[in-house]
Amino acid sequence: MFQKVTNYCKESYDELVHKVSWPTRKELSNSAVVVLYASLFIALVVFLMDSVFQFVMEDIIYPH
């Protein structure tokens, strides 16, 4: 069993070092910016939907 674990660790290390293509710093920065903008956009959409829903529900519950 110890041999299997050791072999697994060696193969994992070999794959991570030699077979995986890691992004460059610039690619990683660009991806982070895209994720940030997408998250802000989704948060804004959810906020607007919540505000509209709250406005509608207040008119239903407490009509003027």
N, C-alpha and C. Protein backbone atom coordinates (compact mmCIF):
# COMPACT_ATOMS: atom_id res chain seq x y z
N MET A 1 0.82 -1.19 0.00
CA MET A 1 0.00 0.00 0.00
C MET A 1 0.87 1.27 0.00
N PHE A 2 1.95 1.26 0.77
CA PHE A 2 2.85 2.42 0.83
C PHE A 2 3.44 2.70 -0.55
N GLN A 3 3.74 1.64 -1.29
CA GLN A 3 4.30 1.78 -2.64
C GLN A 3 3.29 2.47 -3.57
N LYS A 4 2.00 2.14 -3.42
CA LYS A 4 0.96 2.76 -4.25
C LYS A 4 0.86 4.26 -3.97
N VAL A 5 0.91 4.62 -2.70
CA VAL A 5 0.82 6.04 -2.32
C VAL A 5 2.04 6.79 -2.84
N THR A 6 3.20 6.23 -2.70
CA THR A 6 4.43 6.85 -3.18
C THR A 6 4.38 7.02 -4.70
N ASN A 7 3.95 5.98 -5.39
CA ASN A 7 3.85 6.04 -6.85
C ASN A 7 2.84 7.11 -7.28
N TYR A 8 1.72 7.18 -6.58
CA TYR A 8 0.71 8.19 -6.88
C TYR A 8 1.28 9.60 -6.71
N CYS A 9 1.99 9.82 -5.64
CA CYS A 9 2.59 11.15 -5.38
C CYS A 9 3.60 11.51 -6.46
N LYS A 10 4.43 10.57 -6.87
CA LYS A 10 5.42 10.83 -7.91
C LYS A 10 4.75 11.15 -9.24
N GLU A 11 3.72 10.39 -9.59
CA GLU A 11 3.02 10.64 -10.84
C GLU A 11 2.29 11.99 -10.81
N SER A 12 1.72 12.33 -9.67
CA SER A 12 1.04 13.62 -9.55
C SER A 12 2.02 14.77 -9.71
N TYR A 13 3.15 14.66 -9.06
CA TYR A 13 4.18 15.69 -9.16
C TYR A 13 4.66 15.82 -10.61
N ASP A 14 4.91 14.71 -11.26
CA ASP A 14 5.37 14.72 -12.64
C ASP A 14 4.35 15.40 -13.55
N GLU A 15 3.09 15.09 -13.33
CA GLU A 15 2.05 15.71 -14.16
C GLU A 15 1.97 17.21 -13.92
N LEU A 16 2.03 17.63 -12.66
CA LEU A 16 1.94 19.06 -12.35
C LEU A 16 3.13 19.86 -12.89
N VAL A 17 4.30 19.24 -12.87
CA VAL A 17 5.51 19.96 -13.30
C VAL A 17 5.68 19.94 -14.81
N HIS A 18 5.40 18.81 -15.45
CA HIS A 18 5.74 18.66 -16.86
C HIS A 18 4.55 18.68 -17.82
N LYS A 19 3.35 18.41 -17.37
CA LYS A 19 2.23 18.28 -18.31
C LYS A 19 1.20 19.40 -18.19
N VAL A 20 1.13 20.06 -17.07
CA VAL A 20 0.14 21.12 -16.88
C VAL A 20 0.68 22.42 -17.46
N SER A 21 -0.18 23.12 -18.21
CA SER A 21 0.25 24.43 -18.71
C SER A 21 -0.30 25.50 -17.77
N TRP A 22 0.59 26.15 -17.07
CA TRP A 22 0.21 27.16 -16.10
C TRP A 22 0.06 28.50 -16.79
N PRO A 23 -0.89 29.32 -16.38
CA PRO A 23 -1.06 30.64 -17.00
C PRO A 23 0.08 31.57 -16.61
N THR A 24 0.33 32.53 -17.49
CA THR A 24 1.34 33.54 -17.17
C THR A 24 0.73 34.52 -16.17
N ARG A 25 1.57 35.36 -15.61
CA ARG A 25 1.08 36.35 -14.64
C ARG A 25 0.07 37.29 -15.29
N LYS A 26 0.33 37.68 -16.55
CA LYS A 26 -0.57 38.58 -17.26
C LYS A 26 -1.92 37.90 -17.53
N GLU A 27 -1.90 36.65 -17.95
CA GLU A 27 -3.15 35.91 -18.19
C GLU A 27 -3.95 35.78 -16.89
N LEU A 28 -3.25 35.51 -15.81
CA LEU A 28 -3.91 35.36 -14.52
C LEU A 28 -4.53 36.69 -14.07
N SER A 29 -3.83 37.79 -14.27
CA SER A 29 -4.35 39.12 -13.93
C SER A 29 -5.59 39.44 -14.75
N ASN A 30 -5.52 39.17 -16.05
CA ASN A 30 -6.66 39.44 -16.92
C ASN A 30 -7.88 38.61 -16.50
N SER A 31 -7.66 37.36 -16.17
CA SER A 31 -8.76 36.49 -15.74
C SER A 31 -9.36 37.01 -14.43
N ALA A 32 -8.51 37.47 -13.53
CA ALA A 32 -9.00 37.99 -12.25
C ALA A 32 -9.86 39.23 -12.47
N VAL A 33 -9.46 40.09 -13.39
CA VAL A 33 -10.23 41.30 -13.69
C VAL A 33 -11.58 40.92 -14.30
N VAL A 34 -11.59 39.95 -15.19
CA VAL A 34 -12.85 39.50 -15.79
C VAL A 34 -13.78 38.96 -14.72
N VAL A 35 -13.25 38.16 -13.82
CA VAL A 35 -14.07 37.60 -12.73
C VAL A 35 -14.60 38.72 -11.83
N LEU A 36 -13.77 39.71 -11.54
CA LEU A 36 -14.20 40.84 -10.71
C LEU A 36 -15.35 41.59 -11.36
N TYR A 37 -15.21 41.94 -12.64
CA TYR A 37 -16.28 42.67 -13.33
C TYR A 37 -17.55 41.84 -13.44
N ALA A 38 -17.41 40.56 -13.74
CA ALA A 38 -18.58 39.69 -13.84
C ALA A 38 -19.29 39.60 -12.48
N SER A 39 -18.53 39.49 -11.41
CA SER A 39 -19.12 39.42 -10.06
C SER A 39 -19.85 40.72 -9.72
N LEU A 40 -19.25 41.86 -10.05
CA LEU A 40 -19.90 43.13 -9.78
C LEU A 40 -21.19 43.28 -10.60
N PHE A 41 -21.14 42.87 -11.86
CA PHE A 41 -22.32 42.94 -12.72
C PHE A 41 -23.45 42.06 -12.17
N ILE A 42 -23.13 40.85 -11.79
CA ILE A 42 -24.15 39.94 -11.24
C ILE A 42 -24.70 40.50 -9.94
N ALA A 43 -23.83 41.05 -9.09
CA ALA A 43 -24.31 41.65 -7.83
C ALA A 43 -25.25 42.81 -8.12
N LEU A 44 -24.94 43.63 -9.12
CA LEU A 44 -25.81 44.75 -9.48
C LEU A 44 -27.16 44.25 -9.99
N VAL A 45 -27.16 43.23 -10.82
CA VAL A 45 -28.41 42.67 -11.33
C VAL A 45 -29.26 42.12 -10.19
N VAL A 46 -28.65 41.39 -9.27
CA VAL A 46 -29.38 40.84 -8.14
C VAL A 46 -29.93 41.97 -7.26
N PHE A 47 -29.13 43.00 -7.03
CA PHE A 47 -29.60 44.15 -6.24
C PHE A 47 -30.81 44.82 -6.89
N LEU A 48 -30.74 45.03 -8.20
CA LEU A 48 -31.86 45.66 -8.90
C LEU A 48 -33.11 44.78 -8.86
N MET A 49 -32.94 43.49 -9.05
CA MET A 49 -34.09 42.59 -8.98
C MET A 49 -34.70 42.60 -7.58
N ASP A 50 -33.86 42.62 -6.57
CA ASP A 50 -34.34 42.64 -5.19
C ASP A 50 -35.08 43.95 -4.89
N SER A 51 -34.54 45.05 -5.39
CA SER A 51 -35.19 46.35 -5.16
C SER A 51 -36.56 46.41 -5.83
N VAL A 52 -36.64 45.92 -7.05
CA VAL A 52 -37.92 45.90 -7.76
C VAL A 52 -38.90 45.00 -7.02
N PHE A 53 -38.46 43.82 -6.63
CA PHE A 53 -39.33 42.89 -5.91
C PHE A 53 -39.81 43.51 -4.59
N GLN A 54 -38.90 44.18 -3.88
CA GLN A 54 -39.28 44.82 -2.62
C GLN A 54 -40.32 45.92 -2.87
N PHE A 55 -40.12 46.72 -3.91
CA PHE A 55 -41.06 47.79 -4.24
C PHE A 55 -42.45 47.22 -4.56
N VAL A 56 -42.48 46.17 -5.36
CA VAL A 56 -43.76 45.54 -5.72
C VAL A 56 -44.43 44.94 -4.50
N MET A 57 -43.67 44.24 -3.68
CA MET A 57 -44.27 43.60 -2.50
C MET A 57 -44.77 44.64 -1.50
N GLU A 58 -44.07 45.73 -1.34
CA GLU A 58 -44.54 46.78 -0.43
C GLU A 58 -45.84 47.39 -0.93
N ASP A 59 -45.99 47.53 -2.25
CA ASP A 59 -47.25 48.04 -2.80
C ASP A 59 -48.38 47.05 -2.58
N ILE A 60 -48.09 45.78 -2.60
CA ILE A 60 -49.11 44.76 -2.38
C ILE A 60 -49.49 44.69 -0.90
N ILE A 61 -48.50 44.69 -0.03
CA ILE A 61 -48.74 44.53 1.41
C ILE A 61 -49.27 45.83 2.03
N TYR A 62 -48.67 46.96 1.68
CA TYR A 62 -49.06 48.25 2.24
C TYR A 62 -49.50 49.18 1.12
N PRO A 63 -50.66 48.97 0.55
CA PRO A 63 -51.08 49.86 -0.56
C PRO A 63 -51.35 51.28 -0.03
N HIS A 64 -51.13 52.25 -0.87
CA HIS A 64 -51.30 53.65 -0.48
C HIS A 64 -52.73 54.09 -0.68
